[in-house]
Amino acid sequence: MELMRYECVAEAVTTTEGYRLAAGCICRREAAEEIREELRRLSGYKVCSRDLYGIDFELAARLGELARTSVIAAGCSLKVTDALLPPETTTGGVLGDPAEKPESSDEDIVDLSENFYMYTVPGGPGLAANAFGDTVRQALEEIRKAGFDGINEELFRSVMRRYGITVALLIYDGTGDGRHAKIGAMDLSGARIIE
């Protein structure tokens, strides 16, 4: 796999209702500008659901519009300030192959294609990266130990490099107590935390 062929594009926008949304895609480099524009258009996204499952279902459906052969993985994190959630729960984070049917996370390692794998856990975060599945799982477990507030660009880059990962998309749930829209994007140009 020639890593120069891939880019992780990421954008943060504000939806029509004023909610903060951070989104990213791992894609082939030649499609990066088109995907970046598509992510910016998420500012026109209208949130209809305010419940635990509806928020994620709507996000996954919207990301399905990014399905094309140049996209390996897509994800987003959304902060719905007036969500109706049970105490101590989070939602508003989705990650996967936008061409596939959305499914709730159940701690599966998923082969995305082109030597990219994804590992997600209920409540997040989820990680898609250019490494074998167990390596992606180990890297995500280390990220989870840092906690939502503990992850920054330096730690994200350090953990990814420790596992030999050079292209990655990290997605957190953005809705719930103490949460906001937050993702990590890494490629050969560097690591970024988008909030």
N, C-alpha and C. Protein backbone atom coordinates (compact mmCIF):
# COMPACT_ATOMS: atom_id res chain seq x y z
N MET A 1 0.84 -1.18 0.00
CA MET A 1 0.00 0.00 0.00
C MET A 1 0.89 1.24 0.00
N GLU A 2 0.72 2.07 -0.97
CA GLU A 2 1.47 3.32 -1.05
C GLU A 2 0.70 4.40 -0.29
N LEU A 3 1.23 4.79 0.87
CA LEU A 3 0.50 5.71 1.74
C LEU A 3 0.34 7.11 1.16
N MET A 4 1.17 7.47 0.22
CA MET A 4 1.03 8.78 -0.42
C MET A 4 -0.31 8.89 -1.15
N ARG A 5 -0.95 7.77 -1.40
CA ARG A 5 -2.22 7.75 -2.13
C ARG A 5 -3.41 8.16 -1.27
N TYR A 6 -3.23 8.26 0.06
CA TYR A 6 -4.36 8.48 0.96
C TYR A 6 -4.21 9.77 1.76
N GLU A 7 -5.36 10.35 2.06
CA GLU A 7 -5.40 11.57 2.85
C GLU A 7 -6.56 11.44 3.83
N CYS A 8 -6.43 12.07 4.98
CA CYS A 8 -7.53 12.13 5.93
C CYS A 8 -7.97 13.59 5.99
N VAL A 9 -9.08 13.89 5.34
CA VAL A 9 -9.60 15.26 5.33
C VAL A 9 -10.57 15.42 6.49
N ALA A 10 -10.60 16.60 7.06
CA ALA A 10 -11.48 16.85 8.22
C ALA A 10 -11.88 18.31 8.24
N GLU A 11 -13.11 18.54 8.66
CA GLU A 11 -13.66 19.89 8.75
C GLU A 11 -14.56 19.99 9.97
N ALA A 12 -14.69 21.19 10.51
CA ALA A 12 -15.66 21.48 11.57
C ALA A 12 -16.60 22.54 11.02
N VAL A 13 -17.89 22.32 11.21
CA VAL A 13 -18.91 23.25 10.74
C VAL A 13 -19.96 23.44 11.83
N THR A 14 -20.83 24.42 11.62
CA THR A 14 -21.98 24.63 12.48
C THR A 14 -23.22 24.33 11.66
N THR A 15 -24.12 23.48 12.18
CA THR A 15 -25.32 23.09 11.44
C THR A 15 -26.33 24.24 11.42
N THR A 16 -27.42 24.03 10.70
CA THR A 16 -28.44 25.07 10.58
C THR A 16 -29.03 25.46 11.93
N GLU A 17 -29.05 24.51 12.90
CA GLU A 17 -29.59 24.83 14.24
C GLU A 17 -28.54 25.40 15.17
N GLY A 18 -27.30 25.50 14.70
CA GLY A 18 -26.24 26.04 15.54
C GLY A 18 -25.46 24.98 16.30
N TYR A 19 -25.65 23.70 15.96
CA TYR A 19 -24.89 22.63 16.60
C TYR A 19 -23.52 22.51 15.95
N ARG A 20 -22.52 22.19 16.75
CA ARG A 20 -21.17 22.00 16.24
C ARG A 20 -21.01 20.57 15.75
N LEU A 21 -20.42 20.41 14.57
CA LEU A 21 -20.21 19.11 13.95
C LEU A 21 -18.79 19.06 13.40
N ALA A 22 -18.07 17.99 13.71
CA ALA A 22 -16.73 17.75 13.15
C ALA A 22 -16.81 16.46 12.35
N ALA A 23 -16.31 16.48 11.13
CA ALA A 23 -16.42 15.31 10.25
C ALA A 23 -15.11 15.09 9.51
N GLY A 24 -14.88 13.83 9.16
CA GLY A 24 -13.66 13.50 8.42
C GLY A 24 -13.84 12.27 7.57
N CYS A 25 -12.93 12.12 6.60
CA CYS A 25 -12.92 10.96 5.70
C CYS A 25 -11.48 10.57 5.42
N ILE A 26 -11.25 9.29 5.37
CA ILE A 26 -10.02 8.76 4.79
C ILE A 26 -10.38 8.48 3.34
N CYS A 27 -9.63 9.09 2.44
CA CYS A 27 -9.96 8.95 1.02
C CYS A 27 -8.68 8.91 0.19
N ARG A 28 -8.84 8.56 -1.07
CA ARG A 28 -7.72 8.64 -2.00
C ARG A 28 -7.40 10.11 -2.24
N ARG A 29 -6.14 10.40 -2.34
CA ARG A 29 -5.66 11.79 -2.45
C ARG A 29 -6.32 12.55 -3.59
N GLU A 30 -6.56 11.91 -4.72
CA GLU A 30 -7.13 12.62 -5.87
C GLU A 30 -8.56 13.10 -5.61
N ALA A 31 -9.23 12.55 -4.60
CA ALA A 31 -10.60 12.94 -4.29
C ALA A 31 -10.69 13.89 -3.10
N ALA A 32 -9.56 14.24 -2.50
CA ALA A 32 -9.55 14.99 -1.24
C ALA A 32 -10.28 16.33 -1.33
N GLU A 33 -10.06 17.09 -2.36
CA GLU A 33 -10.72 18.41 -2.45
C GLU A 33 -12.23 18.27 -2.61
N GLU A 34 -12.66 17.31 -3.40
CA GLU A 34 -14.10 17.06 -3.57
C GLU A 34 -14.73 16.65 -2.23
N ILE A 35 -14.06 15.78 -1.48
CA ILE A 35 -14.57 15.32 -0.19
C ILE A 35 -14.56 16.47 0.81
N ARG A 36 -13.52 17.27 0.80
CA ARG A 36 -13.45 18.43 1.70
C ARG A 36 -14.65 19.35 1.48
N GLU A 37 -14.99 19.60 0.23
CA GLU A 37 -16.16 20.44 -0.10
C GLU A 37 -17.45 19.80 0.41
N GLU A 38 -17.54 18.49 0.25
CA GLU A 38 -18.72 17.75 0.73
C GLU A 38 -18.84 17.87 2.25
N LEU A 39 -17.73 17.80 2.96
CA LEU A 39 -17.76 17.94 4.41
C LEU A 39 -18.19 19.36 4.81
N ARG A 40 -17.74 20.35 4.09
CA ARG A 40 -18.15 21.73 4.39
C ARG A 40 -19.65 21.92 4.20
N ARG A 41 -20.23 21.18 3.25
CA ARG A 41 -21.68 21.29 3.01
C ARG A 41 -22.51 20.71 4.15
N LEU A 42 -21.86 20.02 5.07
CA LEU A 42 -22.58 19.52 6.24
C LEU A 42 -23.12 20.67 7.10
N SER A 43 -22.69 21.88 6.84
CA SER A 43 -23.25 23.03 7.56
C SER A 43 -24.74 23.17 7.27
N GLY A 44 -25.22 22.60 6.18
CA GLY A 44 -26.63 22.62 5.86
C GLY A 44 -27.40 21.45 6.46
N TYR A 45 -26.71 20.60 7.24
CA TYR A 45 -27.34 19.43 7.85
C TYR A 45 -28.37 19.87 8.89
N LYS A 46 -29.55 19.28 8.85
CA LYS A 46 -30.60 19.58 9.81
C LYS A 46 -30.83 18.36 10.69
N VAL A 47 -30.67 18.56 11.99
CA VAL A 47 -30.87 17.50 12.97
C VAL A 47 -32.35 17.39 13.29
N CYS A 48 -32.94 16.22 13.06
CA CYS A 48 -34.37 16.01 13.34
C CYS A 48 -34.59 15.28 14.66
N SER A 49 -33.75 14.31 14.96
CA SER A 49 -33.92 13.50 16.16
C SER A 49 -33.15 14.10 17.33
N ARG A 50 -33.65 13.87 18.51
CA ARG A 50 -32.96 14.32 19.73
C ARG A 50 -32.70 13.15 20.68
N ASP A 51 -32.97 11.91 20.21
CA ASP A 51 -32.82 10.77 21.12
C ASP A 51 -31.53 10.01 20.84
N LEU A 52 -31.20 9.13 21.76
CA LEU A 52 -29.95 8.38 21.77
C LEU A 52 -29.64 7.69 20.45
N TYR A 53 -30.58 6.94 19.90
CA TYR A 53 -30.32 6.19 18.68
C TYR A 53 -30.60 7.00 17.42
N GLY A 54 -31.61 7.85 17.48
CA GLY A 54 -31.98 8.64 16.31
C GLY A 54 -30.87 9.56 15.84
N ILE A 55 -30.14 10.15 16.77
CA ILE A 55 -29.05 11.07 16.40
C ILE A 55 -28.01 10.33 15.57
N ASP A 56 -27.57 9.17 16.05
CA ASP A 56 -26.55 8.40 15.32
C ASP A 56 -27.10 7.87 13.99
N PHE A 57 -28.34 7.41 13.99
CA PHE A 57 -28.93 6.88 12.77
C PHE A 57 -28.97 7.95 11.68
N GLU A 58 -29.40 9.16 12.05
CA GLU A 58 -29.45 10.26 11.08
C GLU A 58 -28.06 10.63 10.58
N LEU A 59 -27.08 10.66 11.49
CA LEU A 59 -25.71 10.97 11.08
C LEU A 59 -25.19 9.93 10.09
N ALA A 60 -25.40 8.67 10.40
CA ALA A 60 -24.93 7.60 9.51
C ALA A 60 -25.61 7.70 8.15
N ALA A 61 -26.88 8.00 8.13
CA ALA A 61 -27.60 8.14 6.86
C ALA A 61 -27.02 9.29 6.05
N ARG A 62 -26.73 10.39 6.71
CA ARG A 62 -26.16 11.55 6.01
C ARG A 62 -24.76 11.22 5.48
N LEU A 63 -23.96 10.52 6.26
CA LEU A 63 -22.62 10.14 5.80
C LEU A 63 -22.69 9.15 4.65
N GLY A 64 -23.78 8.42 4.54
CA GLY A 64 -23.97 7.50 3.42
C GLY A 64 -23.91 8.22 2.08
N GLU A 65 -24.20 9.51 2.09
CA GLU A 65 -24.12 10.30 0.86
C GLU A 65 -22.67 10.48 0.39
N LEU A 66 -21.71 10.15 1.24
CA LEU A 66 -20.30 10.25 0.87
C LEU A 66 -19.79 8.96 0.23
N ALA A 67 -20.66 7.98 0.09
CA ALA A 67 -20.24 6.68 -0.45
C ALA A 67 -19.77 6.82 -1.89
N ARG A 68 -18.54 6.50 -2.10
CA ARG A 68 -17.93 6.43 -3.43
C ARG A 68 -16.66 5.60 -3.30
N THR A 69 -16.14 5.14 -4.39
CA THR A 69 -15.00 4.23 -4.34
C THR A 69 -13.75 4.90 -3.78
N SER A 70 -13.66 6.21 -3.81
CA SER A 70 -12.48 6.91 -3.31
C SER A 70 -12.48 7.08 -1.79
N VAL A 71 -13.60 6.79 -1.11
CA VAL A 71 -13.69 6.96 0.34
C VAL A 71 -13.54 5.60 1.03
N ILE A 72 -12.56 5.51 1.92
CA ILE A 72 -12.31 4.30 2.68
C ILE A 72 -13.16 4.28 3.95
N ALA A 73 -13.20 5.40 4.66
CA ALA A 73 -13.97 5.52 5.90
C ALA A 73 -14.42 6.96 6.07
N ALA A 74 -15.58 7.11 6.70
CA ALA A 74 -16.11 8.44 7.00
C ALA A 74 -16.66 8.43 8.42
N GLY A 75 -16.59 9.57 9.07
CA GLY A 75 -17.12 9.65 10.42
C GLY A 75 -17.40 11.09 10.81
N CYS A 76 -18.24 11.23 11.82
CA CYS A 76 -18.47 12.57 12.34
C CYS A 76 -18.89 12.52 13.80
N SER A 77 -18.72 13.65 14.45
CA SER A 77 -19.05 13.85 15.85
C SER A 77 -19.92 15.09 15.92
N LEU A 78 -21.06 14.99 16.61
CA LEU A 78 -22.05 16.07 16.64
C LEU A 78 -22.45 16.36 18.07
N LYS A 79 -22.49 17.63 18.43
CA LYS A 79 -22.95 18.06 19.76
C LYS A 79 -24.38 18.59 19.61
N VAL A 80 -25.36 17.82 20.09
CA VAL A 80 -26.76 18.25 20.11
C VAL A 80 -27.04 18.72 21.53
N THR A 81 -27.12 20.03 21.70
CA THR A 81 -27.21 20.60 23.04
C THR A 81 -28.53 20.30 23.74
N ASP A 82 -29.60 20.03 22.99
CA ASP A 82 -30.90 19.75 23.62
C ASP A 82 -31.33 18.29 23.42
N ALA A 83 -30.35 17.38 23.38
CA ALA A 83 -30.65 15.96 23.22
C ALA A 83 -31.35 15.41 24.46
N LEU A 84 -32.18 14.42 24.25
CA LEU A 84 -32.91 13.75 25.33
C LEU A 84 -32.22 12.43 25.61
N LEU A 85 -31.27 12.44 26.53
CA LEU A 85 -30.47 11.25 26.82
C LEU A 85 -30.63 10.79 28.25
N PRO A 86 -30.55 9.48 28.48
CA PRO A 86 -30.47 8.99 29.86
C PRO A 86 -29.17 9.50 30.49
N PRO A 87 -29.13 9.61 31.81
CA PRO A 87 -27.91 10.08 32.48
C PRO A 87 -26.70 9.22 32.12
N GLU A 88 -25.57 9.86 32.02
CA GLU A 88 -24.28 9.21 31.78
C GLU A 88 -24.21 8.40 30.49
N THR A 89 -24.93 8.84 29.47
CA THR A 89 -24.83 8.21 28.16
C THR A 89 -24.33 9.23 27.16
N THR A 90 -23.75 8.72 26.08
CA THR A 90 -23.27 9.59 25.00
C THR A 90 -23.78 9.06 23.67
N THR A 91 -23.83 9.95 22.70
CA THR A 91 -24.23 9.61 21.34
C THR A 91 -23.60 10.67 20.43
N GLY A 92 -23.99 10.67 19.17
CA GLY A 92 -23.51 11.70 18.27
C GLY A 92 -22.13 11.44 17.70
N GLY A 93 -21.77 10.18 17.53
CA GLY A 93 -20.51 9.83 16.89
C GLY A 93 -20.69 8.60 16.02
N VAL A 94 -20.35 8.70 14.76
CA VAL A 94 -20.45 7.56 13.84
C VAL A 94 -19.18 7.44 13.02
N LEU A 95 -18.83 6.20 12.70
CA LEU A 95 -17.62 5.91 11.92
C LEU A 95 -17.86 4.64 11.13
N GLY A 96 -17.45 4.62 9.88
CA GLY A 96 -17.55 3.40 9.10
C GLY A 96 -17.38 3.65 7.62
N ASP A 97 -17.63 2.60 6.86
CA ASP A 97 -17.64 2.69 5.40
C ASP A 97 -19.00 3.24 5.02
N PRO A 98 -19.07 4.43 4.43
CA PRO A 98 -20.38 5.03 4.14
C PRO A 98 -21.20 4.25 3.12
N ALA A 99 -20.59 3.30 2.41
CA ALA A 99 -21.33 2.49 1.45
C ALA A 99 -22.03 1.31 2.11
N GLU A 100 -21.68 1.01 3.35
CA GLU A 100 -22.26 -0.12 4.06
C GLU A 100 -23.47 0.32 4.88
N LYS A 101 -24.34 -0.65 5.18
CA LYS A 101 -25.51 -0.39 6.03
C LYS A 101 -25.03 -0.04 7.43
N PRO A 102 -25.55 1.06 8.03
CA PRO A 102 -25.14 1.44 9.38
C PRO A 102 -25.53 0.38 10.42
N GLU A 103 -24.64 0.15 11.36
CA GLU A 103 -24.88 -0.78 12.46
C GLU A 103 -24.36 -0.17 13.74
N SER A 104 -24.98 -0.51 14.86
CA SER A 104 -24.48 -0.07 16.16
C SER A 104 -23.16 -0.77 16.44
N SER A 105 -22.30 -0.08 17.16
CA SER A 105 -21.00 -0.64 17.51
C SER A 105 -21.16 -1.79 18.48
N ASP A 106 -20.42 -2.87 18.23
CA ASP A 106 -20.40 -3.98 19.18
C ASP A 106 -18.99 -4.55 19.33
N GLU A 107 -18.04 -3.66 19.31
CA GLU A 107 -16.63 -4.01 19.50
C GLU A 107 -16.09 -4.97 18.46
N ASP A 108 -16.48 -4.75 17.23
CA ASP A 108 -15.97 -5.56 16.12
C ASP A 108 -14.78 -4.88 15.45
N ILE A 109 -13.86 -5.69 14.98
CA ILE A 109 -12.81 -5.22 14.11
C ILE A 109 -13.33 -5.42 12.70
N VAL A 110 -13.33 -4.36 11.89
CA VAL A 110 -13.91 -4.41 10.56
C VAL A 110 -12.83 -4.13 9.52
N ASP A 111 -12.74 -5.00 8.51
CA ASP A 111 -11.85 -4.81 7.38
C ASP A 111 -12.54 -3.85 6.42
N LEU A 112 -12.04 -2.64 6.30
CA LEU A 112 -12.68 -1.62 5.46
C LEU A 112 -12.34 -1.80 3.99
N SER A 113 -11.13 -2.06 3.65
CA SER A 113 -10.60 -2.28 2.31
C SER A 113 -9.24 -1.61 2.22
N GLU A 114 -8.49 -2.00 1.24
CA GLU A 114 -7.19 -1.40 0.94
C GLU A 114 -6.27 -1.35 2.16
N ASN A 115 -6.31 -2.40 3.00
CA ASN A 115 -5.48 -2.54 4.19
C ASN A 115 -5.80 -1.52 5.28
N PHE A 116 -7.03 -1.04 5.33
CA PHE A 116 -7.51 -0.20 6.42
C PHE A 116 -8.49 -1.02 7.24
N TYR A 117 -8.39 -0.87 8.56
CA TYR A 117 -9.28 -1.56 9.48
C TYR A 117 -9.89 -0.54 10.43
N MET A 118 -11.01 -0.94 11.04
CA MET A 118 -11.71 -0.07 11.96
C MET A 118 -12.06 -0.86 13.22
N TYR A 119 -11.98 -0.16 14.35
CA TYR A 119 -12.40 -0.75 15.62
C TYR A 119 -13.22 0.30 16.35
N THR A 120 -14.43 -0.09 16.75
CA THR A 120 -15.30 0.83 17.48
C THR A 120 -15.83 0.12 18.73
N VAL A 121 -16.17 0.93 19.72
CA VAL A 121 -16.77 0.40 20.95
C VAL A 121 -18.00 1.24 21.28
N PRO A 122 -19.01 0.64 21.91
CA PRO A 122 -20.18 1.42 22.31
C PRO A 122 -19.76 2.59 23.20
N GLY A 123 -20.27 3.76 22.92
CA GLY A 123 -19.89 4.95 23.67
C GLY A 123 -18.63 5.61 23.15
N GLY A 124 -17.96 4.96 22.20
CA GLY A 124 -16.81 5.53 21.53
C GLY A 124 -15.56 5.55 22.37
N PRO A 125 -14.49 6.02 21.77
CA PRO A 125 -14.41 6.45 20.38
C PRO A 125 -14.23 5.27 19.44
N GLY A 126 -14.13 5.60 18.16
CA GLY A 126 -13.85 4.61 17.13
C GLY A 126 -12.63 5.07 16.34
N LEU A 127 -11.90 4.11 15.79
CA LEU A 127 -10.68 4.42 15.04
C LEU A 127 -10.64 3.61 13.76
N ALA A 128 -10.40 4.28 12.64
CA ALA A 128 -10.13 3.65 11.35
C ALA A 128 -8.70 4.02 10.99
N ALA A 129 -7.90 3.03 10.56
CA ALA A 129 -6.48 3.31 10.32
C ALA A 129 -5.86 2.29 9.38
N ASN A 130 -4.69 2.64 8.87
CA ASN A 130 -3.94 1.77 7.96
C ASN A 130 -3.08 0.79 8.76
N ALA A 131 -3.73 -0.12 9.44
CA ALA A 131 -3.03 -1.15 10.20
C ALA A 131 -3.97 -2.34 10.31
N PHE A 132 -3.41 -3.49 10.65
CA PHE A 132 -4.25 -4.67 10.84
C PHE A 132 -5.16 -4.47 12.03
N GLY A 133 -6.25 -5.20 12.05
CA GLY A 133 -7.31 -5.01 13.03
C GLY A 133 -6.87 -5.01 14.47
N ASP A 134 -6.05 -5.98 14.87
CA ASP A 134 -5.65 -6.03 16.27
C ASP A 134 -4.77 -4.84 16.64
N THR A 135 -3.98 -4.36 15.71
CA THR A 135 -3.15 -3.18 15.96
C THR A 135 -4.04 -1.95 16.14
N VAL A 136 -5.08 -1.82 15.33
CA VAL A 136 -6.01 -0.70 15.46
C VAL A 136 -6.71 -0.77 16.82
N ARG A 137 -7.10 -1.98 17.23
CA ARG A 137 -7.74 -2.16 18.54
C ARG A 137 -6.79 -1.74 19.67
N GLN A 138 -5.54 -2.15 19.62
CA GLN A 138 -4.58 -1.80 20.66
C GLN A 138 -4.35 -0.29 20.72
N ALA A 139 -4.23 0.34 19.55
CA ALA A 139 -4.04 1.79 19.52
C ALA A 139 -5.24 2.51 20.12
N LEU A 140 -6.44 2.04 19.79
CA LEU A 140 -7.64 2.68 20.32
C LEU A 140 -7.74 2.48 21.83
N GLU A 141 -7.36 1.32 22.32
CA GLU A 141 -7.39 1.10 23.77
C GLU A 141 -6.47 2.08 24.48
N GLU A 142 -5.33 2.37 23.89
CA GLU A 142 -4.42 3.35 24.50
C GLU A 142 -5.02 4.76 24.46
N ILE A 143 -5.66 5.11 23.36
CA ILE A 143 -6.34 6.41 23.25
C ILE A 143 -7.45 6.52 24.30
N ARG A 144 -8.21 5.44 24.49
CA ARG A 144 -9.31 5.45 25.46
C ARG A 144 -8.80 5.68 26.87
N LYS A 145 -7.62 5.17 27.19
CA LYS A 145 -7.05 5.37 28.53
C LYS A 145 -6.81 6.86 28.80
N ALA A 146 -6.49 7.62 27.76
CA ALA A 146 -6.26 9.06 27.93
C ALA A 146 -7.55 9.81 28.23
N GLY A 147 -8.68 9.24 27.84
CA GLY A 147 -9.98 9.87 28.09
C GLY A 147 -10.28 10.97 27.08
N PHE A 148 -11.54 11.37 27.07
CA PHE A 148 -12.02 12.37 26.12
C PHE A 148 -11.22 13.68 26.23
N ASP A 149 -11.03 14.16 27.44
CA ASP A 149 -10.32 15.44 27.63
C ASP A 149 -8.81 15.30 27.54
N GLY A 150 -8.29 14.07 27.68
CA GLY A 150 -6.85 13.88 27.69
C GLY A 150 -6.20 13.81 26.32
N ILE A 151 -6.99 13.62 25.28
CA ILE A 151 -6.40 13.48 23.94
C ILE A 151 -6.14 14.84 23.33
N ASN A 152 -4.94 15.02 22.83
CA ASN A 152 -4.56 16.22 22.10
C ASN A 152 -3.73 15.79 20.89
N GLU A 153 -3.33 16.73 20.06
CA GLU A 153 -2.60 16.36 18.84
C GLU A 153 -1.31 15.62 19.12
N GLU A 154 -0.57 16.05 20.13
CA GLU A 154 0.70 15.41 20.44
C GLU A 154 0.51 13.96 20.88
N LEU A 155 -0.46 13.71 21.77
CA LEU A 155 -0.70 12.34 22.22
C LEU A 155 -1.26 11.48 21.09
N PHE A 156 -2.17 12.02 20.32
CA PHE A 156 -2.74 11.29 19.18
C PHE A 156 -1.63 10.86 18.23
N ARG A 157 -0.77 11.80 17.83
CA ARG A 157 0.34 11.49 16.92
C ARG A 157 1.27 10.44 17.54
N SER A 158 1.59 10.60 18.82
CA SER A 158 2.50 9.70 19.50
C SER A 158 1.97 8.26 19.53
N VAL A 159 0.71 8.10 19.88
CA VAL A 159 0.12 6.76 19.93
C VAL A 159 0.08 6.15 18.52
N MET A 160 -0.36 6.91 17.54
CA MET A 160 -0.44 6.37 16.18
C MET A 160 0.94 5.93 15.70
N ARG A 161 1.95 6.73 15.93
CA ARG A 161 3.31 6.37 15.48
C ARG A 161 3.82 5.13 16.20
N ARG A 162 3.50 5.02 17.49
CA ARG A 162 3.94 3.85 18.27
C ARG A 162 3.41 2.55 17.64
N TYR A 163 2.26 2.62 17.01
CA TYR A 163 1.67 1.44 16.38
C TYR A 163 1.90 1.39 14.88
N GLY A 164 2.74 2.27 14.36
CA GLY A 164 3.07 2.26 12.94
C GLY A 164 1.96 2.78 12.05
N ILE A 165 1.03 3.52 12.61
CA ILE A 165 -0.12 4.05 11.86
C ILE A 165 0.23 5.43 11.33
N THR A 166 -0.02 5.65 10.03
CA THR A 166 0.26 6.95 9.42
C THR A 166 -0.98 7.63 8.86
N VAL A 167 -2.06 6.88 8.67
CA VAL A 167 -3.32 7.46 8.19
C VAL A 167 -4.42 6.96 9.12
N ALA A 168 -5.13 7.89 9.78
CA ALA A 168 -6.13 7.48 10.77
C ALA A 168 -7.23 8.51 10.91
N LEU A 169 -8.40 8.02 11.31
CA LEU A 169 -9.55 8.86 11.63
C LEU A 169 -10.11 8.38 12.96
N LEU A 170 -10.14 9.26 13.95
CA LEU A 170 -10.61 8.98 15.30
C LEU A 170 -11.89 9.77 15.53
N ILE A 171 -12.96 9.10 15.97
CA ILE A 171 -14.26 9.75 16.14
C ILE A 171 -14.76 9.53 17.57
N TYR A 172 -15.12 10.63 18.22
CA TYR A 172 -15.73 10.59 19.55
C TYR A 172 -17.22 10.88 19.46
N ASP A 173 -17.99 10.36 20.43
CA ASP A 173 -19.37 10.82 20.59
C ASP A 173 -19.30 12.28 21.01
N GLY A 174 -20.12 13.12 20.39
CA GLY A 174 -20.08 14.55 20.69
C GLY A 174 -21.20 15.03 21.58
N THR A 175 -22.18 14.16 21.86
CA THR A 175 -23.35 14.57 22.64
C THR A 175 -23.39 13.80 23.96
N GLY A 176 -23.61 14.51 25.03
CA GLY A 176 -23.66 13.94 26.37
C GLY A 176 -22.93 14.85 27.32
N ASP A 177 -23.05 14.59 28.61
CA ASP A 177 -22.40 15.44 29.62
C ASP A 177 -20.89 15.49 29.40
N GLY A 178 -20.35 16.70 29.38
CA GLY A 178 -18.92 16.89 29.22
C GLY A 178 -18.39 16.60 27.83
N ARG A 179 -19.26 16.49 26.85
CA ARG A 179 -18.83 16.18 25.48
C ARG A 179 -19.07 17.36 24.55
N HIS A 180 -18.31 17.37 23.47
CA HIS A 180 -18.50 18.29 22.36
C HIS A 180 -17.98 17.60 21.10
N ALA A 181 -18.31 18.13 19.95
CA ALA A 181 -17.86 17.54 18.69
C ALA A 181 -16.33 17.49 18.68
N LYS A 182 -15.78 16.27 18.46
CA LYS A 182 -14.32 16.11 18.51
C LYS A 182 -13.90 14.90 17.70
N ILE A 183 -12.95 15.13 16.78
CA ILE A 183 -12.37 14.03 15.99
C ILE A 183 -10.87 14.24 15.88
N GLY A 184 -10.19 13.17 15.51
CA GLY A 184 -8.76 13.25 15.21
C GLY A 184 -8.54 12.79 13.78
N ALA A 185 -7.66 13.47 13.07
CA ALA A 185 -7.34 13.13 11.69
C ALA A 185 -5.82 13.10 11.55
N MET A 186 -5.31 12.06 10.91
CA MET A 186 -3.87 11.96 10.73
C MET A 186 -3.57 11.39 9.35
N ASP A 187 -2.59 12.00 8.69
CA ASP A 187 -2.06 11.47 7.44
C ASP A 187 -0.61 11.93 7.36
N LEU A 188 -0.01 11.83 6.19
CA LEU A 188 1.42 12.17 6.08
C LEU A 188 1.69 13.65 6.33
N SER A 189 0.64 14.50 6.28
CA SER A 189 0.86 15.92 6.57
C SER A 189 0.81 16.23 8.06
N GLY A 190 0.45 15.27 8.90
CA GLY A 190 0.45 15.47 10.34
C GLY A 190 -0.84 15.03 11.01
N ALA A 191 -0.90 15.25 12.32
CA ALA A 191 -2.07 14.90 13.13
C ALA A 191 -2.80 16.16 13.54
N ARG A 192 -4.13 16.10 13.53
CA ARG A 192 -4.95 17.24 13.93
C ARG A 192 -6.10 16.76 14.79
N ILE A 193 -6.46 17.56 15.79
CA ILE A 193 -7.68 17.35 16.56
C ILE A 193 -8.62 18.46 16.12
N ILE A 194 -9.79 18.09 15.65
CA ILE A 194 -10.76 19.06 15.14
C ILE A 194 -11.93 19.08 16.11
N GLU A 195 -12.26 20.28 16.60
CA GLU A 195 -13.34 20.43 17.58
C GLU A 195 -14.27 21.55 17.15
